[in-house]
C-alpha atoms as a PDB file:
ATOM      1  CA  UNK A   1     110.460 200.327 -86.246  1.00  0.00           C
ATOM      2  CA  UNK A   2     111.694 203.664 -85.424  1.00  0.00           C
ATOM      3  CA  UNK A   3     111.988 205.468 -82.190  1.00  0.00           C
ATOM      4  CA  UNK A   4     108.968 206.230 -79.971  1.00  0.00           C
ATOM      5  CA  UNK A   5     109.429 209.713 -77.992  1.00  0.00           C
ATOM      6  CA  UNK A   6     107.224 211.451 -75.368  1.00  0.00           C
ATOM      7  CA  UNK A   7     107.989 215.107 -74.180  1.00  0.00           C
ATOM      8  CA  UNK A   8     106.257 216.864 -71.345  1.00  0.00           C
ATOM      9  CA  UNK A   9     105.049 219.710 -72.261  1.00  0.00           C
ATOM     10  CA  UNK A  10     104.635 223.044 -70.812  1.00  0.00           C
ATOM     11  CA  UNK A  11     100.879 221.691 -69.374  1.00  0.00           C
ATOM     12  CA  UNK A  12     102.871 218.863 -67.655  1.00  0.00           C
ATOM     13  CA  UNK A  13     101.239 216.583 -69.888  1.00  0.00           C
ATOM     14  CA  UNK A  14     103.692 214.067 -72.087  1.00  0.00           C
ATOM     15  CA  UNK A  15     102.985 214.411 -75.964  1.00  0.00           C
ATOM     16  CA  UNK A  16     104.374 212.235 -78.849  1.00  0.00           C
ATOM     17  CA  UNK A  17     104.396 208.711 -80.375  1.00  0.00           C
ATOM     18  CA  UNK A  18     105.044 206.577 -77.371  1.00  0.00           C
ATOM     19  CA  UNK A  19     101.801 205.887 -75.917  1.00  0.00           C
ATOM     20  CA  UNK A  20     102.186 202.790 -74.091  1.00  0.00           C
ATOM     21  CA  UNK A  21     104.751 201.255 -71.560  1.00  0.00           C
ATOM     22  CA  UNK A  22     105.102 197.324 -72.622  1.00  0.00           C
ATOM     23  CA  UNK A  23     107.493 194.678 -71.233  1.00  0.00           C
ATOM     24  CA  UNK A  24     108.602 193.968 -74.391  1.00  0.00           C
ATOM     25  CA  UNK A  25     110.671 197.186 -74.521  1.00  0.00           C
ATOM     26  CA  UNK A  26     113.376 199.337 -72.858  1.00  0.00           C
ATOM     27  CA  UNK A  27     112.893 203.004 -72.194  1.00  0.00           C
ATOM     28  CA  UNK A  28     115.999 205.531 -72.698  1.00  0.00           C
ATOM     29  CA  UNK A  29     114.564 208.299 -69.796  1.00  0.00           C
ATOM     30  CA  UNK A  30     116.502 211.812 -69.964  1.00  0.00           C
ATOM     31  CA  UNK A  31     115.693 214.203 -67.155  1.00  0.00           C
ATOM     32  CA  UNK A  32     116.902 217.377 -65.729  1.00  0.00           C
ATOM     33  CA  UNK A  33     115.733 216.711 -62.481  1.00  0.00           C
ATOM     34  CA  UNK A  34     115.731 213.772 -59.516  1.00  0.00           C
ATOM     35  CA  UNK A  35     112.211 213.397 -58.584  1.00  0.00           C
ATOM     36  CA  UNK A  36     110.852 210.132 -58.157  1.00  0.00           C
ATOM     37  CA  UNK A  37     108.709 208.484 -60.614  1.00  0.00           C
ATOM     38  CA  UNK A  38     105.927 206.277 -59.353  1.00  0.00           C
ATOM     39  CA  UNK A  39     104.668 203.707 -61.775  1.00  0.00           C
ATOM     40  CA  UNK A  40     101.248 201.877 -60.953  1.00  0.00           C
ATOM     41  CA  UNK A  41     101.582 198.298 -62.714  1.00  0.00           C
ATOM     42  CA  UNK A  42      98.308 196.558 -63.209  1.00  0.00           C
ATOM     43  CA  UNK A  43      97.827 192.731 -61.585  1.00  0.00           C
ATOM     44  CA  UNK A  44      96.076 190.486 -63.878  1.00  0.00           C
ATOM     45  CA  UNK A  45      92.741 189.187 -62.854  1.00  0.00           C
ATOM     46  CA  UNK A  46      92.581 185.279 -61.926  1.00  0.00           C
ATOM     47  CA  UNK A  47      92.220 183.344 -64.624  1.00  0.00           C
ATOM     48  CA  UNK A  48      93.651 185.858 -67.350  1.00  0.00           C
ATOM     49  CA  UNK A  49      95.369 184.295 -69.728  1.00  0.00           C
ATOM     50  CA  UNK A  50      98.698 185.722 -70.808  1.00  0.00           C
ATOM     51  CA  UNK A  51     101.697 184.420 -72.674  1.00  0.00           C
ATOM     52  CA  UNK A  52     105.584 184.974 -71.631  1.00  0.00           C
ATOM     53  CA  UNK A  53     106.864 188.105 -73.343  1.00  0.00           C
ATOM     54  CA  UNK A  54     109.354 187.880 -76.501  1.00  0.00           C
ATOM     55  CA  UNK A  55     111.424 190.327 -77.949  1.00  0.00           C
ATOM     56  CA  UNK A  56     112.217 190.697 -81.630  1.00  0.00           C
ATOM     57  CA  UNK A  57     116.059 191.656 -82.186  1.00  0.00           C
ATOM     58  CA  UNK A  58     117.002 192.710 -85.907  1.00  0.00           C
ATOM     59  CA  UNK A  59     120.637 192.440 -87.224  1.00  0.00           C
ATOM     60  CA  UNK A  60     122.323 195.801 -85.886  1.00  0.00           C
ATOM     61  CA  UNK A  61     121.571 197.809 -82.793  1.00  0.00           C
ATOM     62  CA  UNK A  62     118.670 197.173 -80.442  1.00  0.00           C
ATOM     63  CA  UNK A  63     118.052 198.269 -77.489  1.00  0.00           C
ATOM     64  CA  UNK A  64     115.682 195.697 -75.422  1.00  0.00           C
ATOM     65  CA  UNK A  65     114.884 194.926 -71.260  1.00  0.00           C
ATOM     66  CA  UNK A  66     116.068 192.575 -68.942  1.00  0.00           C
ATOM     67  CA  UNK A  67     112.935 190.588 -68.256  1.00  0.00           C
ATOM     68  CA  UNK A  68     112.136 187.965 -65.402  1.00  0.00           C
ATOM     69  CA  UNK A  69     109.594 185.913 -66.209  1.00  0.00           C
ATOM     70  CA  UNK A  70     109.500 183.654 -63.297  1.00  0.00           C
ATOM     71  CA  UNK A  71     108.559 186.483 -60.945  1.00  0.00           C
ATOM     72  CA  UNK A  72     111.449 185.202 -58.571  1.00  0.00           C
ATOM     73  CA  UNK A  73     113.586 188.050 -59.522  1.00  0.00           C
ATOM     74  CA  UNK A  74     112.975 191.836 -58.819  1.00  0.00           C
ATOM     75  CA  UNK A  75     114.701 194.892 -60.189  1.00  0.00           C
ATOM     76  CA  UNK A  76     118.495 195.250 -59.072  1.00  0.00           C
ATOM     77  CA  UNK A  77     118.879 191.147 -59.452  1.00  0.00           C
ATOM     78  CA  UNK A  78     121.374 189.918 -61.899  1.00  0.00           C
ATOM     79  CA  UNK A  79     121.772 187.146 -64.652  1.00  0.00           C
ATOM     80  CA  UNK A  80     125.028 186.220 -66.633  1.00  0.00           C
ATOM     81  CA  UNK A  81     124.743 188.114 -70.081  1.00  0.00           C
ATOM     82  CA  UNK A  82     125.433 184.450 -71.855  1.00  0.00           C
ATOM     83  CA  UNK A  83     122.343 183.210 -70.051  1.00  0.00           C
ATOM     84  CA  UNK A  84     119.999 185.842 -70.666  1.00  0.00           C
ATOM     85  CA  UNK A  85     120.841 186.032 -74.622  1.00  0.00           C
ATOM     86  CA  UNK A  86     121.997 182.442 -75.082  1.00  0.00           C
ATOM     87  CA  UNK A  87     119.389 181.753 -77.977  1.00  0.00           C
ATOM     88  CA  UNK A  88     120.803 185.207 -79.663  1.00  0.00           C
ATOM     89  CA  UNK A  89     123.998 185.821 -82.191  1.00  0.00           C
ATOM     90  CA  UNK A  90     125.147 188.985 -80.780  1.00  0.00           C
ATOM     91  CA  UNK A  91     128.685 190.501 -80.599  1.00  0.00           C
ATOM     92  CA  UNK A  92     128.324 193.111 -77.889  1.00  0.00           C
ATOM     93  CA  UNK A  93     125.953 194.298 -75.014  1.00  0.00           C
ATOM     94  CA  UNK A  94     126.412 197.863 -73.408  1.00  0.00           C
ATOM     95  CA  UNK A  95     124.969 199.706 -70.582  1.00  0.00           C
ATOM     96  CA  UNK A  96     125.266 203.051 -70.028  1.00  0.00           C
ATOM     97  CA  UNK A  97     126.232 204.063 -66.463  1.00  0.00           C
ATOM     98  CA  UNK A  98     124.821 207.636 -65.736  1.00  0.00           C
ATOM     99  CA  UNK A  99     126.701 208.123 -62.494  1.00  0.00           C
ATOM    100  CA  UNK A 100     130.086 207.680 -64.104  1.00  0.00           C
ATOM    101  CA  UNK A 101     129.071 209.106 -67.437  1.00  0.00           C
ATOM    102  CA  UNK A 102     130.207 206.053 -69.389  1.00  0.00           C
ATOM    103  CA  UNK A 103     129.419 203.037 -71.355  1.00  0.00           C
ATOM    104  CA  UNK A 104     130.033 199.579 -69.937  1.00  0.00           C
ATOM    105  CA  UNK A 105     130.550 196.534 -71.670  1.00  0.00           C
ATOM    106  CA  UNK A 106     128.560 193.745 -70.475  1.00  0.00           C
ATOM    107  CA  UNK A 107     129.330 191.349 -72.938  1.00  0.00           C
ATOM    108  CA  UNK A 108     130.914 188.969 -70.374  1.00  0.00           C
ATOM    109  CA  UNK A 109     129.264 190.031 -67.575  1.00  0.00           C
ATOM    110  CA  UNK A 110     126.122 189.910 -65.742  1.00  0.00           C
ATOM    111  CA  UNK A 111     122.811 192.237 -66.715  1.00  0.00           C
ATOM    112  CA  UNK A 112     120.345 193.318 -64.179  1.00  0.00           C
ATOM    113  CA  UNK A 113     116.776 192.736 -64.386  1.00  0.00           C
ATOM    114  CA  UNK A 114     114.729 195.559 -64.876  1.00  0.00           C
ATOM    115  CA  UNK A 115     117.149 197.723 -67.121  1.00  0.00           C
ATOM    116  CA  UNK A 116     117.752 198.006 -70.751  1.00  0.00           C
ATOM    117  CA  UNK A 117     121.086 197.174 -72.759  1.00  0.00           C
ATOM    118  CA  UNK A 118     122.094 197.919 -75.925  1.00  0.00           C
ATOM    119  CA  UNK A 119     122.911 194.793 -77.996  1.00  0.00           C
ATOM    120  CA  UNK A 120     124.554 194.670 -81.282  1.00  0.00           C
ATOM    121  CA  UNK A 121     123.065 191.821 -83.096  1.00  0.00           C
ATOM    122  CA  UNK A 122     124.665 190.151 -86.117  1.00  0.00           C
ATOM    123  CA  UNK A 123     121.798 188.006 -87.076  1.00  0.00           C
ATOM    124  CA  UNK A 124     118.272 188.731 -86.330  1.00  0.00           C
ATOM    125  CA  UNK A 125     116.371 186.792 -83.898  1.00  0.00           C
ATOM    126  CA  UNK A 126     113.761 186.555 -81.260  1.00  0.00           C
ATOM    127  CA  UNK A 127     115.033 187.529 -77.374  1.00  0.00           C
ATOM    128  CA  UNK A 128     112.847 184.808 -75.057  1.00  0.00           C
ATOM    129  CA  UNK A 129     113.551 185.782 -71.543  1.00  0.00           C
END
């Protein structure tokens, strides 16, 4: 699919094609300020059935999240790139370092839970975190 976008209007409300934030997507956020963002994540009700997330990967560039389905890892924990993307055929894994304003190659390194990565797939597949 194409890009989904949400832009804050003069009234402070978001408008655009992005209507839902989901675990199966990574998000690129552009801001001109350093305001804290508070996100409410609803809990599942007791006994609610839920399948683990998967992410469809197309041949070419994909922007994907690093998810932890075990619940044992939190934002900032690392996983080796080779382990996380083991079932995919990738040639590159990049992240953008906003502090240094540079792209970092994470192909042979580690990825961070809760972070999005640009991956180049040489073959379509499904990411199973």
